[in-house]
Amino acid sequence: MKFRRKAQATDTVEDAGTATADTPTEGAAETPDPRTGPFDVSQVEGDGIDRADLGSVLVPAIADRELRLQVDEQSGQVRSVMLAGSDGACEFQAFAAPRNGDLWSDVRPQIAEDMARRGGQTTEREGRWGTELVCQMPVKRPDGSDATQPSRIIGINGDRWMLRASFLGRPALDPDNTAEWEDALAQVVVRRGEQAMPVGEPLPVRLPDDARRVR
């Protein structure tokens, strides 16, 4: 594994290729039926599938997807986890949630309000995991010109956790014809842990033990 350490996280697919820590995930892994995922770690124990262990999330090798980790240069903490492909990306993070709760319904309007405060627009659509947010956010290109960054934000409620994912690129623009991206997200495994945590607290993500960092 090779990791590039950067101080700032990025939101665009183009920047993700240069400002991330990359873990190749070449070759497909056989996983449980992705139609039932993402999975709680208790659902996959002993299945023999090799997954990158990032603490709160475990990710198998997925064909045509590269696992990228954004690492803060000063703290050494993983800021984001992303699956990247030739036509887009999926960034995801797990959060503590109440047992049998619906944290996504609580945070979805908060995300929409935050987008509006920053000049963006959101609409709702029904997708594979329920109600999603389709977002349009104004951004600046490296040359200073104005652009719009489309994204599609999904929340999936699990066993005392919620997995939040943002699709960028083609899976954001053409959600009805990019089921392979949703299948990739569905193979993610969440490890909540037994420790008490405030609702909405991000679950900790860490570098794999065998990570080789380069500057």
N, C-alpha and C. Protein backbone atom coordinates (compact mmCIF):
# COMPACT_ATOMS: atom_id res chain seq x y z
N MET A 1 0.83 -1.19 0.00
CA MET A 1 0.00 0.00 0.00
C MET A 1 0.87 1.25 0.00
N LYS A 2 0.46 2.25 -0.75
CA LYS A 2 1.16 3.52 -0.75
C LYS A 2 0.18 4.61 -0.33
N PHE A 3 0.59 5.46 0.59
CA PHE A 3 -0.27 6.51 1.10
C PHE A 3 0.37 7.86 0.89
N ARG A 4 -0.34 8.77 0.28
CA ARG A 4 0.12 10.14 0.17
C ARG A 4 -0.56 10.97 1.22
N ARG A 5 0.22 11.66 2.02
CA ARG A 5 -0.34 12.44 3.12
C ARG A 5 -0.55 13.87 2.67
N LYS A 6 -1.78 14.36 2.84
CA LYS A 6 -2.13 15.71 2.44
C LYS A 6 -2.84 16.40 3.58
N ALA A 7 -2.71 17.71 3.61
CA ALA A 7 -3.28 18.47 4.72
C ALA A 7 -4.75 18.76 4.52
N GLN A 8 -5.19 18.91 3.25
CA GLN A 8 -6.55 19.33 3.01
C GLN A 8 -7.32 18.25 2.27
N ALA A 9 -8.58 18.05 2.66
CA ALA A 9 -9.45 17.12 1.94
C ALA A 9 -10.02 17.84 0.74
N THR A 10 -10.47 17.07 -0.27
CA THR A 10 -11.07 17.65 -1.45
C THR A 10 -12.41 17.01 -1.70
N ASP A 11 -13.29 17.73 -2.46
CA ASP A 11 -14.63 17.26 -2.72
C ASP A 11 -14.83 16.79 -4.15
N THR A 12 -13.93 17.14 -5.06
CA THR A 12 -14.15 16.82 -6.45
C THR A 12 -13.46 15.53 -6.82
N VAL A 13 -14.02 14.84 -7.80
CA VAL A 13 -13.44 13.59 -8.25
C VAL A 13 -12.06 13.83 -8.84
N GLU A 14 -11.89 14.93 -9.61
CA GLU A 14 -10.61 15.19 -10.25
C GLU A 14 -9.51 15.37 -9.21
N ASP A 15 -9.78 16.13 -8.15
CA ASP A 15 -8.76 16.39 -7.14
C ASP A 15 -8.45 15.14 -6.32
N ALA A 16 -9.41 14.24 -6.21
CA ALA A 16 -9.21 13.07 -5.36
C ALA A 16 -8.03 12.23 -5.83
N GLY A 17 -7.72 12.27 -7.11
CA GLY A 17 -6.64 11.46 -7.61
C GLY A 17 -5.28 11.95 -7.18
N THR A 18 -5.15 13.23 -6.80
CA THR A 18 -3.86 13.77 -6.43
C THR A 18 -3.74 14.11 -4.97
N ALA A 19 -4.85 14.13 -4.25
CA ALA A 19 -4.80 14.56 -2.86
C ALA A 19 -5.33 13.48 -1.95
N THR A 20 -4.98 12.23 -2.26
CA THR A 20 -5.48 11.13 -1.46
C THR A 20 -4.38 10.13 -1.22
N ALA A 21 -4.69 9.21 -0.30
CA ALA A 21 -3.82 8.06 -0.09
C ALA A 21 -4.48 6.87 -0.74
N ASP A 22 -3.78 6.17 -1.61
CA ASP A 22 -4.41 5.17 -2.46
C ASP A 22 -4.08 3.75 -2.04
N THR A 23 -5.09 2.91 -2.03
CA THR A 23 -4.92 1.49 -1.80
C THR A 23 -5.53 0.75 -2.96
N PRO A 24 -4.73 0.08 -3.82
CA PRO A 24 -5.31 -0.65 -4.95
C PRO A 24 -6.23 -1.76 -4.45
N THR A 25 -7.36 -1.93 -5.14
CA THR A 25 -8.26 -3.03 -4.83
C THR A 25 -8.56 -3.78 -6.11
N GLU A 26 -7.52 -4.20 -6.82
CA GLU A 26 -7.71 -4.88 -8.07
C GLU A 26 -8.25 -6.28 -7.84
N GLY A 27 -9.18 -6.68 -8.71
CA GLY A 27 -9.74 -8.02 -8.61
C GLY A 27 -10.99 -8.01 -7.75
N ALA A 28 -11.97 -8.75 -8.15
CA ALA A 28 -13.24 -8.78 -7.43
C ALA A 28 -13.21 -9.80 -6.32
N ALA A 29 -13.85 -9.48 -5.21
CA ALA A 29 -13.99 -10.44 -4.13
C ALA A 29 -15.40 -10.97 -4.14
N GLU A 30 -15.55 -12.25 -3.81
CA GLU A 30 -16.88 -12.80 -3.67
C GLU A 30 -17.42 -12.40 -2.31
N THR A 31 -18.58 -11.79 -2.30
CA THR A 31 -19.16 -11.28 -1.07
C THR A 31 -20.57 -11.82 -0.90
N PRO A 32 -21.16 -11.64 0.28
CA PRO A 32 -22.59 -11.96 0.41
C PRO A 32 -23.40 -11.14 -0.58
N ASP A 33 -24.63 -11.54 -0.80
CA ASP A 33 -25.50 -10.88 -1.78
C ASP A 33 -25.51 -9.38 -1.54
N PRO A 34 -24.99 -8.56 -2.48
CA PRO A 34 -24.90 -7.13 -2.25
C PRO A 34 -26.25 -6.45 -2.12
N ARG A 35 -27.31 -7.13 -2.54
CA ARG A 35 -28.63 -6.52 -2.41
C ARG A 35 -29.02 -6.35 -0.95
N THR A 36 -28.33 -7.05 -0.04
CA THR A 36 -28.67 -6.95 1.38
C THR A 36 -27.69 -6.08 2.15
N GLY A 37 -26.66 -5.54 1.48
CA GLY A 37 -25.65 -4.72 2.16
C GLY A 37 -26.01 -3.25 2.13
N PRO A 38 -25.17 -2.42 2.75
CA PRO A 38 -23.94 -2.71 3.50
C PRO A 38 -24.20 -3.59 4.73
N PHE A 39 -23.13 -4.21 5.23
CA PHE A 39 -23.27 -5.22 6.25
C PHE A 39 -22.75 -4.75 7.60
N ASP A 40 -23.35 -5.30 8.65
CA ASP A 40 -22.75 -5.19 9.98
C ASP A 40 -21.70 -6.29 10.10
N VAL A 41 -20.64 -6.01 10.86
CA VAL A 41 -19.55 -6.97 10.95
C VAL A 41 -20.04 -8.33 11.46
N SER A 42 -21.10 -8.35 12.25
CA SER A 42 -21.63 -9.62 12.76
C SER A 42 -22.20 -10.50 11.65
N GLN A 43 -22.55 -9.89 10.50
CA GLN A 43 -23.14 -10.66 9.40
C GLN A 43 -22.09 -11.36 8.55
N VAL A 44 -20.83 -10.97 8.66
CA VAL A 44 -19.81 -11.51 7.75
C VAL A 44 -18.71 -12.25 8.48
N GLU A 45 -18.83 -12.41 9.78
CA GLU A 45 -17.78 -13.09 10.55
C GLU A 45 -17.58 -14.51 10.02
N GLY A 46 -16.32 -14.85 9.75
CA GLY A 46 -15.99 -16.19 9.31
C GLY A 46 -16.28 -16.49 7.85
N ASP A 47 -16.57 -15.45 7.05
CA ASP A 47 -16.87 -15.73 5.65
C ASP A 47 -15.63 -15.90 4.80
N GLY A 48 -14.43 -15.66 5.37
CA GLY A 48 -13.19 -15.90 4.67
C GLY A 48 -12.79 -14.86 3.64
N ILE A 49 -13.52 -13.76 3.55
CA ILE A 49 -13.21 -12.72 2.58
C ILE A 49 -12.18 -11.75 3.16
N ASP A 50 -11.16 -11.46 2.40
CA ASP A 50 -10.11 -10.53 2.83
C ASP A 50 -10.59 -9.11 2.61
N ARG A 51 -10.57 -8.31 3.67
CA ARG A 51 -11.03 -6.91 3.58
C ARG A 51 -9.98 -5.99 4.17
N ALA A 52 -9.86 -4.80 3.61
CA ALA A 52 -9.00 -3.78 4.19
C ALA A 52 -9.66 -3.31 5.49
N ASP A 53 -8.94 -3.47 6.61
CA ASP A 53 -9.49 -3.15 7.92
C ASP A 53 -9.13 -1.71 8.28
N LEU A 54 -10.13 -0.84 8.23
CA LEU A 54 -9.94 0.58 8.53
C LEU A 54 -10.59 0.97 9.85
N GLY A 55 -10.77 0.00 10.72
CA GLY A 55 -11.37 0.28 12.01
C GLY A 55 -12.87 0.16 11.95
N SER A 56 -13.56 1.26 11.72
CA SER A 56 -15.02 1.24 11.71
C SER A 56 -15.61 0.75 10.39
N VAL A 57 -14.80 0.71 9.34
CA VAL A 57 -15.27 0.17 8.06
C VAL A 57 -14.26 -0.83 7.53
N LEU A 58 -14.76 -1.88 6.91
CA LEU A 58 -13.93 -2.90 6.28
C LEU A 58 -14.38 -3.00 4.82
N VAL A 59 -13.40 -2.98 3.91
CA VAL A 59 -13.72 -2.89 2.49
C VAL A 59 -13.02 -4.00 1.73
N PRO A 60 -13.76 -4.86 1.01
CA PRO A 60 -13.11 -5.90 0.22
C PRO A 60 -12.58 -5.33 -1.09
N ALA A 61 -11.76 -6.11 -1.78
CA ALA A 61 -11.34 -5.74 -3.13
C ALA A 61 -12.55 -5.77 -4.04
N ILE A 62 -12.74 -4.70 -4.79
CA ILE A 62 -13.89 -4.56 -5.68
C ILE A 62 -13.37 -4.27 -7.08
N ALA A 63 -13.79 -5.05 -8.05
CA ALA A 63 -13.30 -4.90 -9.41
C ALA A 63 -13.54 -3.49 -9.93
N ASP A 64 -12.53 -2.92 -10.57
CA ASP A 64 -12.60 -1.61 -11.22
C ASP A 64 -12.82 -0.46 -10.23
N ARG A 65 -12.54 -0.71 -8.95
CA ARG A 65 -12.64 0.36 -7.95
C ARG A 65 -11.33 0.40 -7.17
N GLU A 66 -10.88 1.60 -6.86
CA GLU A 66 -9.67 1.79 -6.07
C GLU A 66 -10.03 2.42 -4.73
N LEU A 67 -9.51 1.86 -3.66
CA LEU A 67 -9.77 2.39 -2.33
C LEU A 67 -8.76 3.49 -2.03
N ARG A 68 -9.26 4.69 -1.75
CA ARG A 68 -8.39 5.83 -1.48
C ARG A 68 -8.68 6.39 -0.09
N LEU A 69 -7.62 6.69 0.63
CA LEU A 69 -7.74 7.25 1.97
C LEU A 69 -7.14 8.64 1.99
N GLN A 70 -7.93 9.61 2.46
CA GLN A 70 -7.44 10.98 2.63
C GLN A 70 -6.89 11.10 4.04
N VAL A 71 -5.60 11.37 4.18
CA VAL A 71 -4.94 11.40 5.47
C VAL A 71 -4.49 12.82 5.80
N ASP A 72 -4.86 13.30 6.98
CA ASP A 72 -4.43 14.62 7.43
C ASP A 72 -2.94 14.59 7.73
N GLU A 73 -2.19 15.52 7.17
CA GLU A 73 -0.74 15.52 7.30
C GLU A 73 -0.28 15.75 8.73
N GLN A 74 -0.95 16.64 9.45
CA GLN A 74 -0.50 16.99 10.79
C GLN A 74 -0.88 15.96 11.83
N SER A 75 -2.14 15.50 11.78
CA SER A 75 -2.62 14.57 12.81
C SER A 75 -2.38 13.11 12.46
N GLY A 76 -2.21 12.82 11.17
CA GLY A 76 -2.08 11.44 10.74
C GLY A 76 -3.40 10.69 10.73
N GLN A 77 -4.50 11.39 10.96
CA GLN A 77 -5.81 10.75 10.99
C GLN A 77 -6.39 10.65 9.58
N VAL A 78 -7.13 9.57 9.35
CA VAL A 78 -7.83 9.39 8.09
C VAL A 78 -9.03 10.33 8.07
N ARG A 79 -9.10 11.20 7.08
CA ARG A 79 -10.18 12.17 6.98
C ARG A 79 -11.36 11.63 6.18
N SER A 80 -11.09 10.79 5.20
CA SER A 80 -12.18 10.26 4.39
C SER A 80 -11.76 8.95 3.75
N VAL A 81 -12.76 8.16 3.39
CA VAL A 81 -12.56 6.89 2.69
C VAL A 81 -13.36 6.97 1.41
N MET A 82 -12.73 6.58 0.31
CA MET A 82 -13.37 6.73 -0.99
C MET A 82 -13.09 5.53 -1.87
N LEU A 83 -14.11 5.09 -2.61
CA LEU A 83 -13.95 4.17 -3.72
C LEU A 83 -13.97 4.99 -5.00
N ALA A 84 -12.95 4.87 -5.81
CA ALA A 84 -12.84 5.66 -7.03
C ALA A 84 -12.79 4.76 -8.24
N GLY A 85 -13.40 5.24 -9.33
CA GLY A 85 -13.39 4.53 -10.60
C GLY A 85 -13.18 5.50 -11.74
N SER A 86 -13.23 5.01 -12.96
CA SER A 86 -12.97 5.86 -14.11
C SER A 86 -14.07 6.88 -14.36
N ASP A 87 -15.28 6.63 -13.84
CA ASP A 87 -16.40 7.52 -14.13
C ASP A 87 -16.96 8.21 -12.90
N GLY A 88 -16.33 8.04 -11.74
CA GLY A 88 -16.86 8.69 -10.55
C GLY A 88 -16.23 8.17 -9.29
N ALA A 89 -16.88 8.46 -8.18
CA ALA A 89 -16.34 8.05 -6.88
C ALA A 89 -17.48 7.96 -5.87
N CYS A 90 -17.20 7.26 -4.77
CA CYS A 90 -18.13 7.14 -3.66
C CYS A 90 -17.35 7.33 -2.37
N GLU A 91 -17.63 8.41 -1.66
CA GLU A 91 -16.99 8.69 -0.37
C GLU A 91 -17.95 8.32 0.74
N PHE A 92 -17.46 7.66 1.80
CA PHE A 92 -18.38 7.18 2.83
C PHE A 92 -17.75 7.25 4.22
N GLN A 93 -18.64 7.31 5.23
CA GLN A 93 -18.23 7.35 6.62
C GLN A 93 -19.36 6.80 7.47
N ALA A 94 -19.00 6.12 8.56
CA ALA A 94 -20.00 5.55 9.47
C ALA A 94 -20.13 6.42 10.72
N PHE A 95 -21.34 6.47 11.28
CA PHE A 95 -21.63 7.27 12.45
C PHE A 95 -22.37 6.42 13.48
N ALA A 96 -22.21 6.79 14.76
CA ALA A 96 -22.96 6.12 15.82
C ALA A 96 -24.43 6.52 15.73
N ALA A 97 -25.31 5.56 15.95
CA ALA A 97 -26.74 5.80 15.85
C ALA A 97 -27.47 5.03 16.95
N PRO A 98 -28.69 5.42 17.27
CA PRO A 98 -29.45 4.68 18.28
C PRO A 98 -29.91 3.33 17.75
N ARG A 99 -30.06 2.38 18.65
CA ARG A 99 -30.55 1.07 18.24
C ARG A 99 -31.97 1.19 17.70
N ASN A 100 -32.22 0.57 16.56
CA ASN A 100 -33.54 0.60 15.91
C ASN A 100 -34.00 2.02 15.58
N GLY A 101 -33.07 2.95 15.46
CA GLY A 101 -33.42 4.33 15.14
C GLY A 101 -33.34 4.61 13.65
N ASP A 102 -33.66 5.85 13.29
CA ASP A 102 -33.62 6.29 11.90
C ASP A 102 -32.85 7.61 11.87
N LEU A 103 -31.54 7.51 12.08
CA LEU A 103 -30.71 8.71 12.13
C LEU A 103 -30.73 9.46 10.80
N TRP A 104 -30.82 8.74 9.69
CA TRP A 104 -30.79 9.39 8.39
C TRP A 104 -31.95 10.37 8.22
N SER A 105 -33.12 10.02 8.70
CA SER A 105 -34.26 10.93 8.60
C SER A 105 -34.05 12.19 9.43
N ASP A 106 -33.25 12.08 10.49
CA ASP A 106 -32.97 13.25 11.32
C ASP A 106 -31.93 14.16 10.69
N VAL A 107 -30.89 13.58 10.11
CA VAL A 107 -29.79 14.40 9.60
C VAL A 107 -30.01 14.88 8.17
N ARG A 108 -30.89 14.23 7.44
CA ARG A 108 -31.09 14.62 6.04
C ARG A 108 -31.52 16.08 5.89
N PRO A 109 -32.52 16.56 6.64
CA PRO A 109 -32.86 17.98 6.52
C PRO A 109 -31.75 18.90 6.98
N GLN A 110 -30.92 18.46 7.92
CA GLN A 110 -29.79 19.27 8.35
C GLN A 110 -28.77 19.44 7.23
N ILE A 111 -28.54 18.36 6.48
CA ILE A 111 -27.62 18.43 5.36
C ILE A 111 -28.17 19.39 4.30
N ALA A 112 -29.47 19.29 4.03
CA ALA A 112 -30.08 20.18 3.04
C ALA A 112 -29.98 21.64 3.45
N GLU A 113 -30.19 21.92 4.74
CA GLU A 113 -30.09 23.29 5.24
C GLU A 113 -28.66 23.80 5.12
N ASP A 114 -27.69 22.95 5.42
CA ASP A 114 -26.29 23.36 5.32
C ASP A 114 -25.93 23.64 3.86
N MET A 115 -26.40 22.81 2.95
CA MET A 115 -26.16 23.05 1.53
C MET A 115 -26.73 24.40 1.11
N ALA A 116 -27.95 24.70 1.56
CA ALA A 116 -28.59 25.96 1.19
C ALA A 116 -27.81 27.15 1.73
N ARG A 117 -27.29 27.04 2.95
CA ARG A 117 -26.52 28.14 3.53
C ARG A 117 -25.26 28.42 2.73
N ARG A 118 -24.71 27.39 2.11
CA ARG A 118 -23.48 27.54 1.33
C ARG A 118 -23.75 27.80 -0.15
N GLY A 119 -25.02 28.08 -0.47
CA GLY A 119 -25.37 28.45 -1.83
C GLY A 119 -25.75 27.31 -2.74
N GLY A 120 -25.88 26.10 -2.18
CA GLY A 120 -26.22 24.95 -2.99
C GLY A 120 -27.71 24.67 -3.02
N GLN A 121 -28.08 23.67 -3.78
CA GLN A 121 -29.47 23.27 -3.91
C GLN A 121 -29.57 21.76 -3.71
N THR A 122 -30.67 21.31 -3.12
CA THR A 122 -30.90 19.88 -2.93
C THR A 122 -32.34 19.53 -3.30
N THR A 123 -32.51 18.34 -3.83
CA THR A 123 -33.82 17.76 -4.04
C THR A 123 -33.79 16.33 -3.52
N GLU A 124 -34.94 15.77 -3.24
CA GLU A 124 -35.02 14.40 -2.75
C GLU A 124 -35.49 13.46 -3.84
N ARG A 125 -35.00 12.24 -3.81
CA ARG A 125 -35.45 11.19 -4.70
C ARG A 125 -35.48 9.88 -3.92
N GLU A 126 -36.26 8.95 -4.37
CA GLU A 126 -36.31 7.63 -3.75
C GLU A 126 -35.37 6.70 -4.48
N GLY A 127 -34.50 6.05 -3.74
CA GLY A 127 -33.52 5.16 -4.34
C GLY A 127 -33.50 3.81 -3.67
N ARG A 128 -32.44 3.11 -3.85
CA ARG A 128 -32.28 1.73 -3.38
C ARG A 128 -32.43 1.62 -1.87
N TRP A 129 -31.92 2.61 -1.12
CA TRP A 129 -31.97 2.56 0.33
C TRP A 129 -32.94 3.58 0.92
N GLY A 130 -33.88 4.05 0.11
CA GLY A 130 -34.85 5.01 0.62
C GLY A 130 -34.60 6.40 0.06
N THR A 131 -34.92 7.41 0.86
CA THR A 131 -34.82 8.79 0.41
C THR A 131 -33.37 9.26 0.34
N GLU A 132 -33.01 9.83 -0.81
CA GLU A 132 -31.66 10.34 -1.04
C GLU A 132 -31.72 11.85 -1.27
N LEU A 133 -30.56 12.48 -1.18
CA LEU A 133 -30.44 13.90 -1.51
C LEU A 133 -29.62 14.04 -2.79
N VAL A 134 -30.17 14.72 -3.77
CA VAL A 134 -29.45 15.06 -4.99
C VAL A 134 -29.03 16.52 -4.86
N CYS A 135 -27.73 16.77 -4.92
CA CYS A 135 -27.19 18.08 -4.56
C CYS A 135 -26.46 18.73 -5.73
N GLN A 136 -26.54 20.06 -5.77
CA GLN A 136 -25.78 20.87 -6.70
C GLN A 136 -25.10 21.96 -5.87
N MET A 137 -23.76 21.92 -5.83
CA MET A 137 -23.01 22.85 -4.99
C MET A 137 -22.06 23.69 -5.84
N PRO A 138 -22.14 25.03 -5.74
CA PRO A 138 -21.19 25.87 -6.48
C PRO A 138 -19.78 25.71 -5.92
N VAL A 139 -18.79 25.57 -6.81
CA VAL A 139 -17.40 25.41 -6.41
C VAL A 139 -16.52 26.26 -7.33
N LYS A 140 -15.28 26.41 -6.95
CA LYS A 140 -14.30 27.12 -7.75
C LYS A 140 -13.33 26.11 -8.39
N ARG A 141 -13.12 26.24 -9.67
CA ARG A 141 -12.10 25.44 -10.32
C ARG A 141 -10.71 25.95 -9.93
N PRO A 142 -9.67 25.15 -10.15
CA PRO A 142 -8.31 25.62 -9.83
C PRO A 142 -7.93 26.93 -10.50
N ASP A 143 -8.53 27.22 -11.68
CA ASP A 143 -8.22 28.47 -12.37
C ASP A 143 -9.05 29.64 -11.89
N GLY A 144 -9.91 29.41 -10.87
CA GLY A 144 -10.71 30.47 -10.30
C GLY A 144 -12.09 30.63 -10.91
N SER A 145 -12.40 29.91 -11.98
CA SER A 145 -13.71 30.03 -12.61
C SER A 145 -14.75 29.26 -11.80
N ASP A 146 -16.01 29.62 -11.99
CA ASP A 146 -17.11 29.00 -11.27
C ASP A 146 -17.55 27.69 -11.93
N ALA A 147 -17.97 26.75 -11.10
CA ALA A 147 -18.48 25.47 -11.58
C ALA A 147 -19.51 24.96 -10.58
N THR A 148 -20.18 23.88 -10.95
CA THR A 148 -21.16 23.24 -10.07
C THR A 148 -20.75 21.80 -9.86
N GLN A 149 -20.68 21.39 -8.60
CA GLN A 149 -20.32 20.02 -8.25
C GLN A 149 -21.59 19.23 -7.92
N PRO A 150 -21.99 18.30 -8.77
CA PRO A 150 -23.15 17.47 -8.44
C PRO A 150 -22.75 16.33 -7.50
N SER A 151 -23.65 15.96 -6.63
CA SER A 151 -23.41 14.81 -5.75
C SER A 151 -24.76 14.20 -5.39
N ARG A 152 -24.69 12.97 -4.93
CA ARG A 152 -25.89 12.27 -4.45
C ARG A 152 -25.56 11.67 -3.10
N ILE A 153 -26.27 12.08 -2.07
CA ILE A 153 -25.96 11.67 -0.71
C ILE A 153 -26.99 10.65 -0.23
N ILE A 154 -26.48 9.57 0.33
CA ILE A 154 -27.32 8.46 0.78
C ILE A 154 -27.03 8.17 2.24
N GLY A 155 -28.05 7.85 3.00
CA GLY A 155 -27.88 7.43 4.39
C GLY A 155 -28.49 6.05 4.58
N ILE A 156 -27.73 5.14 5.18
CA ILE A 156 -28.20 3.77 5.38
C ILE A 156 -28.13 3.45 6.86
N ASN A 157 -29.28 3.16 7.46
CA ASN A 157 -29.35 2.85 8.88
C ASN A 157 -29.01 1.39 9.12
N GLY A 158 -28.10 1.16 10.08
CA GLY A 158 -27.72 -0.20 10.45
C GLY A 158 -27.97 -0.46 11.92
N ASP A 159 -27.26 -1.43 12.49
CA ASP A 159 -27.40 -1.80 13.89
C ASP A 159 -26.56 -0.87 14.75
N ARG A 160 -27.15 0.19 15.25
CA ARG A 160 -26.49 1.22 16.06
C ARG A 160 -25.47 2.00 15.26
N TRP A 161 -25.62 2.01 13.94
CA TRP A 161 -24.76 2.83 13.09
C TRP A 161 -25.54 3.32 11.88
N MET A 162 -25.04 4.37 11.29
CA MET A 162 -25.54 4.87 10.01
C MET A 162 -24.34 5.06 9.09
N LEU A 163 -24.45 4.57 7.88
CA LEU A 163 -23.41 4.78 6.87
C LEU A 163 -23.89 5.87 5.93
N ARG A 164 -23.12 6.94 5.86
CA ARG A 164 -23.43 8.04 4.94
C ARG A 164 -22.47 7.99 3.76
N ALA A 165 -23.02 8.05 2.56
CA ALA A 165 -22.20 7.96 1.36
C ALA A 165 -22.55 9.10 0.41
N SER A 166 -21.53 9.62 -0.27
CA SER A 166 -21.72 10.65 -1.28
C SER A 166 -21.18 10.13 -2.61
N PHE A 167 -22.04 10.06 -3.61
CA PHE A 167 -21.63 9.68 -4.95
C PHE A 167 -21.25 10.93 -5.74
N LEU A 168 -20.15 10.85 -6.47
CA LEU A 168 -19.68 11.95 -7.31
C LEU A 168 -19.50 11.44 -8.73
N GLY A 169 -19.61 12.33 -9.70
CA GLY A 169 -19.43 11.94 -11.09
C GLY A 169 -20.68 11.30 -11.67
N ARG A 170 -20.48 10.29 -12.53
CA ARG A 170 -21.62 9.69 -13.23
C ARG A 170 -22.65 9.08 -12.29
N PRO A 171 -22.26 8.41 -11.18
CA PRO A 171 -23.30 7.86 -10.30
C PRO A 171 -24.16 8.93 -9.64
N ALA A 172 -23.69 10.18 -9.61
CA ALA A 172 -24.51 11.27 -9.11
C ALA A 172 -25.42 11.82 -10.20
N LEU A 173 -24.90 11.86 -11.43
CA LEU A 173 -25.65 12.43 -12.54
C LEU A 173 -26.65 11.47 -13.16
N ASP A 174 -26.37 10.18 -13.09
CA ASP A 174 -27.20 9.18 -13.77
C ASP A 174 -27.49 8.01 -12.83
N PRO A 175 -28.21 8.28 -11.74
CA PRO A 175 -28.39 7.24 -10.71
C PRO A 175 -29.16 6.01 -11.18
N ASP A 176 -30.00 6.16 -12.19
CA ASP A 176 -30.81 5.03 -12.64
C ASP A 176 -30.02 4.05 -13.50
N ASN A 177 -28.82 4.43 -13.92
CA ASN A 177 -28.05 3.57 -14.82
C ASN A 177 -26.64 3.30 -14.30
N THR A 178 -26.46 3.40 -13.00
CA THR A 178 -25.15 3.15 -12.40
C THR A 178 -25.28 2.24 -11.19
N ALA A 179 -26.04 1.16 -11.35
CA ALA A 179 -26.28 0.24 -10.24
C ALA A 179 -24.99 -0.41 -9.75
N GLU A 180 -23.96 -0.49 -10.63
CA GLU A 180 -22.71 -1.11 -10.21
C GLU A 180 -22.04 -0.31 -9.10
N TRP A 181 -22.27 0.99 -9.05
CA TRP A 181 -21.72 1.80 -7.97
C TRP A 181 -22.44 1.51 -6.65
N GLU A 182 -23.73 1.33 -6.71
CA GLU A 182 -24.47 0.98 -5.50
C GLU A 182 -24.08 -0.42 -5.03
N ASP A 183 -23.83 -1.33 -5.96
CA ASP A 183 -23.37 -2.66 -5.58
C ASP A 183 -22.03 -2.60 -4.88
N ALA A 184 -21.16 -1.69 -5.32
CA ALA A 184 -19.86 -1.53 -4.66
C ALA A 184 -20.03 -1.04 -3.23
N LEU A 185 -20.88 -0.03 -3.04
CA LEU A 185 -21.13 0.48 -1.69
C LEU A 185 -21.73 -0.60 -0.80
N ALA A 186 -22.58 -1.45 -1.38
CA ALA A 186 -23.26 -2.48 -0.61
C ALA A 186 -22.32 -3.53 -0.06
N GLN A 187 -21.07 -3.58 -0.54
CA GLN A 187 -20.11 -4.56 -0.04
C GLN A 187 -19.32 -4.05 1.17
N VAL A 188 -19.53 -2.79 1.55
CA VAL A 188 -18.84 -2.23 2.71
C VAL A 188 -19.39 -2.86 3.98
N VAL A 189 -18.50 -3.11 4.95
CA VAL A 189 -18.87 -3.67 6.25
C VAL A 189 -18.59 -2.62 7.33
N VAL A 190 -19.53 -2.46 8.26
CA VAL A 190 -19.37 -1.48 9.34
C VAL A 190 -19.13 -2.22 10.65
N ARG A 191 -18.11 -1.77 11.40
CA ARG A 191 -17.83 -2.29 12.73
C ARG A 191 -18.15 -1.17 13.74
N ARG A 192 -19.27 -1.29 14.40
CA ARG A 192 -19.71 -0.25 15.34
C ARG A 192 -18.91 -0.24 16.62
N GLY A 193 -18.57 -1.42 17.15
CA GLY A 193 -17.93 -1.49 18.46
C GLY A 193 -18.96 -1.40 19.57
N GLU A 194 -18.55 -1.75 20.77
CA GLU A 194 -19.48 -1.78 21.90
C GLU A 194 -19.40 -0.54 22.77
N GLN A 195 -18.44 0.36 22.49
CA GLN A 195 -18.29 1.53 23.34
C GLN A 195 -19.47 2.49 23.21
N ALA A 196 -19.79 3.16 24.30
CA ALA A 196 -20.85 4.17 24.26
C ALA A 196 -20.35 5.40 23.51
N MET A 197 -21.18 5.92 22.60
CA MET A 197 -20.82 7.09 21.82
C MET A 197 -22.05 7.96 21.63
N PRO A 198 -21.88 9.28 21.57
CA PRO A 198 -23.02 10.14 21.29
C PRO A 198 -23.60 9.85 19.90
N VAL A 199 -24.90 9.96 19.79
CA VAL A 199 -25.56 9.76 18.51
C VAL A 199 -25.03 10.80 17.52
N GLY A 200 -24.66 10.33 16.34
CA GLY A 200 -24.14 11.22 15.31
C GLY A 200 -22.64 11.37 15.32
N GLU A 201 -21.95 10.78 16.31
CA GLU A 201 -20.49 10.87 16.37
C GLU A 201 -19.88 9.99 15.27
N PRO A 202 -18.92 10.52 14.49
CA PRO A 202 -18.27 9.68 13.48
C PRO A 202 -17.54 8.52 14.13
N LEU A 203 -17.68 7.33 13.59
CA LEU A 203 -16.93 6.19 14.08
C LEU A 203 -15.48 6.30 13.60
N PRO A 204 -14.52 5.98 14.45
CA PRO A 204 -13.12 6.23 14.10
C PRO A 204 -12.64 5.36 12.94
N VAL A 205 -11.87 5.99 12.06
CA VAL A 205 -11.25 5.31 10.93
C VAL A 205 -9.75 5.39 11.12
N ARG A 206 -9.05 4.30 10.82
CA ARG A 206 -7.60 4.28 11.01
C ARG A 206 -6.95 3.64 9.79
N LEU A 207 -5.66 3.92 9.65
CA LEU A 207 -4.88 3.28 8.59
C LEU A 207 -4.71 1.80 8.89
N PRO A 208 -4.67 0.96 7.88
CA PRO A 208 -4.36 -0.46 8.13
C PRO A 208 -3.00 -0.60 8.79
N ASP A 209 -2.85 -1.65 9.58
CA ASP A 209 -1.59 -1.87 10.33
C ASP A 209 -0.40 -2.03 9.40
N ASP A 210 -0.62 -2.57 8.20
CA ASP A 210 0.50 -2.81 7.29
C ASP A 210 0.68 -1.69 6.28
N ALA A 211 0.06 -0.52 6.55
CA ALA A 211 0.16 0.59 5.59
C ALA A 211 1.59 1.09 5.53
N ARG A 212 2.03 1.37 4.30
CA ARG A 212 3.35 1.96 4.08
C ARG A 212 3.16 3.40 3.63
N ARG A 213 3.54 4.36 4.44
CA ARG A 213 3.32 5.76 4.15
C ARG A 213 4.52 6.32 3.38
N VAL A 214 4.23 7.13 2.39
CA VAL A 214 5.29 7.82 1.66
C VAL A 214 4.94 9.30 1.56
N ARG A 215 5.95 10.12 1.49
CA ARG A 215 5.72 11.56 1.34
C ARG A 215 6.09 11.98 -0.08
